[in-house]
Amino acid sequence: MKGKRYTTEDKIRILRAADCGEKSIQDICRDENLSVVSFHRWKKQFGHMEINEARRLKELERENSELKKMLAESLLKNRVLEAVCEKKL
């Protein structure tokens, strides 16, 4: 059974709750139904970010992915056109 999927904002909120020091990491993980390993992975990935920075990162990653798809499609079209031109000659 898969666990809950946390949004980037949720991850940062959980990390900030641990930073304030009121509860231990183990207590926070237990309350959020989260493994300590996942917490530390998130801390490595998002530990220095604020929520607005994480949103911007997510937006840039989405844009980058879209641009990669567009480039791949363009390269494929070029290859097909080159193959067609070679066959005609």
C-alpha atoms as a PDB file:
ATOM      1  CA  MET A   1       0.000   0.000   0.000  1.00  0.00           C
ATOM      2  CA  LYS A   2       1.359   3.394  -0.959  1.00  0.00           C
ATOM      3  CA  GLY A   3       1.699   6.175   1.551  1.00  0.00           C
ATOM      4  CA  LYS A   4       0.393   9.698   1.343  1.00  0.00           C
ATOM      5  CA  ARG A   5       1.805  12.046  -1.273  1.00  0.00           C
ATOM      6  CA  TYR A   6       2.917  15.310   0.284  1.00  0.00           C
ATOM      7  CA  THR A   7       2.956  18.590  -1.611  1.00  0.00           C
ATOM      8  CA  THR A   8       6.094  20.682  -1.634  1.00  0.00           C
ATOM      9  CA  GLU A   9       4.387  23.155   0.679  1.00  0.00           C
ATOM     10  CA  ASP A  10       3.550  20.357   3.127  1.00  0.00           C
ATOM     11  CA  LYS A  11       7.141  19.150   3.088  1.00  0.00           C
ATOM     12  CA  ILE A  12       8.485  22.602   3.895  1.00  0.00           C
ATOM     13  CA  ARG A  13       5.858  23.105   6.604  1.00  0.00           C
ATOM     14  CA  ILE A  14       6.948  19.848   8.252  1.00  0.00           C
ATOM     15  CA  LEU A  15      10.614  20.833   7.984  1.00  0.00           C
ATOM     16  CA  ARG A  16       9.886  24.238   9.563  1.00  0.00           C
ATOM     17  CA  ALA A  17       8.016  22.540  12.417  1.00  0.00           C
ATOM     18  CA  ALA A  18      11.174  20.541  13.148  1.00  0.00           C
ATOM     19  CA  ASP A  19      13.347  23.655  12.905  1.00  0.00           C
ATOM     20  CA  CYS A  20      11.458  25.442  15.677  1.00  0.00           C
ATOM     21  CA  GLY A  21      12.568  22.678  18.051  1.00  0.00           C
ATOM     22  CA  GLU A  22       9.365  22.204  20.043  1.00  0.00           C
ATOM     23  CA  LYS A  23       9.160  18.515  19.084  1.00  0.00           C
ATOM     24  CA  SER A  24      11.783  15.988  18.142  1.00  0.00           C
ATOM     25  CA  ILE A  25      12.101  14.780  14.568  1.00  0.00           C
ATOM     26  CA  GLN A  26      10.783  11.364  15.582  1.00  0.00           C
ATOM     27  CA  ASP A  27       7.677  12.914  17.168  1.00  0.00           C
ATOM     28  CA  ILE A  28       6.963  15.054  14.122  1.00  0.00           C
ATOM     29  CA  CYS A  29       7.414  12.072  11.802  1.00  0.00           C
ATOM     30  CA  ARG A  30       5.092   9.963  13.932  1.00  0.00           C
ATOM     31  CA  ASP A  31       2.448  12.733  13.958  1.00  0.00           C
ATOM     32  CA  GLU A  32       2.671  13.166  10.182  1.00  0.00           C
ATOM     33  CA  ASN A  33       2.861   9.400   9.500  1.00  0.00           C
ATOM     34  CA  LEU A  34       6.230   9.877   7.834  1.00  0.00           C
ATOM     35  CA  SER A  35       9.468   7.914   7.961  1.00  0.00           C
ATOM     36  CA  VAL A  36      12.570   9.552   9.414  1.00  0.00           C
ATOM     37  CA  VAL A  37      14.449   8.646   6.227  1.00  0.00           C
ATOM     38  CA  SER A  38      11.942  10.593   4.137  1.00  0.00           C
ATOM     39  CA  PHE A  39      12.230  13.536   6.516  1.00  0.00           C
ATOM     40  CA  HIS A  40      15.999  13.681   6.106  1.00  0.00           C
ATOM     41  CA  ARG A  41      15.713  13.298   2.320  1.00  0.00           C
ATOM     42  CA  TRP A  42      13.307  16.239   2.262  1.00  0.00           C
ATOM     43  CA  LYS A  43      15.626  18.217   4.495  1.00  0.00           C
ATOM     44  CA  LYS A  44      18.482  17.625   2.075  1.00  0.00           C
ATOM     45  CA  GLN A  45      16.311  18.659  -0.869  1.00  0.00           C
ATOM     46  CA  PHE A  46      14.203  21.500   0.594  1.00  0.00           C
ATOM     47  CA  GLY A  47      15.913  22.385   3.873  1.00  0.00           C
ATOM     48  CA  HIS A  48      17.153  25.800   2.813  1.00  0.00           C
ATOM     49  CA  MET A  49      14.078  26.819   0.799  1.00  0.00           C
ATOM     50  CA  GLU A  50      11.074  28.880   1.624  1.00  0.00           C
ATOM     51  CA  ILE A  51       7.654  27.956   0.251  1.00  0.00           C
ATOM     52  CA  ASN A  52       7.718  30.573  -2.529  1.00  0.00           C
ATOM     53  CA  GLU A  53      11.155  29.363  -3.657  1.00  0.00           C
ATOM     54  CA  ALA A  54       9.917  25.765  -3.753  1.00  0.00           C
ATOM     55  CA  ARG A  55       6.898  26.795  -5.834  1.00  0.00           C
ATOM     56  CA  ARG A  56       9.206  28.595  -8.261  1.00  0.00           C
ATOM     57  CA  LEU A  57      11.463  25.529  -8.453  1.00  0.00           C
ATOM     58  CA  LYS A  58       8.488  23.306  -9.227  1.00  0.00           C
ATOM     59  CA  GLU A  59       7.332  25.734 -11.924  1.00  0.00           C
ATOM     60  CA  LEU A  60      10.806  25.834 -13.480  1.00  0.00           C
ATOM     61  CA  GLU A  61      11.064  22.041 -13.445  1.00  0.00           C
ATOM     62  CA  ARG A  62       7.698  21.786 -15.206  1.00  0.00           C
ATOM     63  CA  GLU A  63       8.776  24.364 -17.792  1.00  0.00           C
ATOM     64  CA  ASN A  64      12.097  22.568 -18.309  1.00  0.00           C
ATOM     65  CA  SER A  65      10.284  19.288 -18.881  1.00  0.00           C
ATOM     66  CA  GLU A  66       7.996  20.905 -21.447  1.00  0.00           C
ATOM     67  CA  LEU A  67      10.948  22.449 -23.269  1.00  0.00           C
ATOM     68  CA  LYS A  68      12.741  19.092 -23.376  1.00  0.00           C
ATOM     69  CA  LYS A  69       9.663  17.510 -24.951  1.00  0.00           C
ATOM     70  CA  MET A  70       9.471  20.272 -27.527  1.00  0.00           C
ATOM     71  CA  LEU A  71      13.157  19.862 -28.380  1.00  0.00           C
ATOM     72  CA  ALA A  72      12.796  16.092 -28.731  1.00  0.00           C
ATOM     73  CA  GLU A  73       9.824  16.517 -31.071  1.00  0.00           C
ATOM     74  CA  SER A  74      11.726  19.050 -33.147  1.00  0.00           C
ATOM     75  CA  LEU A  75      14.773  16.806 -33.432  1.00  0.00           C
ATOM     76  CA  LEU A  76      12.571  13.889 -34.446  1.00  0.00           C
ATOM     77  CA  LYS A  77      10.912  15.974 -37.173  1.00  0.00           C
ATOM     78  CA  ASN A  78      14.326  17.005 -38.482  1.00  0.00           C
ATOM     79  CA  ARG A  79      15.503  13.397 -38.642  1.00  0.00           C
ATOM     80  CA  VAL A  80      12.366  12.307 -40.465  1.00  0.00           C
ATOM     81  CA  LEU A  81      12.695  15.142 -42.983  1.00  0.00           C
ATOM     82  CA  GLU A  82      16.363  14.328 -43.572  1.00  0.00           C
ATOM     83  CA  ALA A  83      15.499  10.664 -44.153  1.00  0.00           C
ATOM     84  CA  VAL A  84      12.762  11.612 -46.626  1.00  0.00           C
ATOM     85  CA  CYS A  85      15.091  13.966 -48.502  1.00  0.00           C
ATOM     86  CA  GLU A  86      17.799  11.292 -48.749  1.00  0.00           C
ATOM     87  CA  LYS A  87      15.324   8.800 -50.209  1.00  0.00           C
ATOM     88  CA  LYS A  88      14.127  11.279 -52.845  1.00  0.00           C
ATOM     89  CA  LEU A  89      17.676  11.931 -54.015  1.00  0.00           C
END
